[in-house]
Amino acid sequence: MYRKMIVYDRKTGDFAMYLDGELVGYAPTYLEAETRLNQLVYQLLTKTGAA
């Protein structure tokens, strides 16, 4: 399973999104960061399952 983490970045004022310890992007709100991470994990799972 993938490890997801969302951390507020004081320098940018955004929420940093991490997947398995790697920065994958930023979002303006926590909710949007959570949604984007969930979408990314879904894409990775469906891509892996189809191969």
Protein backbone atom coordinates (compact mmCIF):
# COMPACT_ATOMS: atom_id res chain seq x y z
CA MET A 1 0.00 0.00 0.00
CA TYR A 2 1.08 3.56 -0.58
CA ARG A 3 1.91 5.90 2.32
CA LYS A 4 0.32 9.33 1.90
CA MET A 5 1.32 12.40 3.87
CA ILE A 6 0.16 16.01 3.69
CA VAL A 7 2.21 18.74 5.37
CA TYR A 8 1.57 22.47 5.53
CA ASP A 9 4.49 24.39 3.99
CA ARG A 10 4.90 27.77 5.67
CA LYS A 11 7.17 29.10 2.91
CA THR A 12 4.66 28.56 0.12
CA GLY A 13 1.45 28.71 2.17
CA ASP A 14 0.34 25.51 0.44
CA PHE A 15 0.06 21.89 1.47
CA ALA A 16 2.89 19.63 0.32
CA MET A 17 1.81 16.18 -0.84
CA TYR A 18 4.09 13.21 -0.27
CA LEU A 19 3.67 9.70 -1.58
CA ASP A 20 5.95 7.07 -0.04
CA GLY A 21 8.18 9.84 1.28
CA GLU A 22 8.60 11.64 -2.06
CA LEU A 23 7.20 15.10 -2.77
CA VAL A 24 4.65 14.83 -5.58
CA GLY A 25 3.22 18.35 -5.55
CA TYR A 26 1.43 21.14 -3.73
CA ALA A 27 -2.22 22.04 -3.24
CA PRO A 28 -3.81 25.22 -1.87
CA THR A 29 -6.01 23.40 0.66
CA TYR A 30 -5.76 20.23 2.73
CA LEU A 31 -8.92 18.85 1.15
CA GLU A 32 -7.59 19.39 -2.36
CA ALA A 33 -4.27 17.78 -1.42
CA GLU A 34 -6.11 14.75 -0.05
CA THR A 35 -8.23 14.49 -3.19
CA ARG A 36 -5.22 14.76 -5.50
CA LEU A 37 -3.27 12.14 -3.56
CA ASN A 38 -6.23 9.77 -3.64
CA GLN A 39 -6.55 10.27 -7.41
CA LEU A 40 -2.84 9.62 -7.88
CA VAL A 41 -2.96 6.42 -5.85
CA TYR A 42 -6.02 5.27 -7.79
CA GLN A 43 -4.24 5.91 -11.09
CA LEU A 44 -1.19 3.99 -9.90
CA LEU A 45 -3.28 1.07 -8.69
CA THR A 46 -5.36 0.81 -11.85
CA LYS A 47 -2.29 1.17 -14.09
CA THR A 48 -0.45 -1.54 -12.12
CA GLY A 49 -3.48 -3.82 -12.13
CA ALA A 50 -3.95 -3.52 -15.90
CA ALA A 51 -0.36 -4.49 -16.75
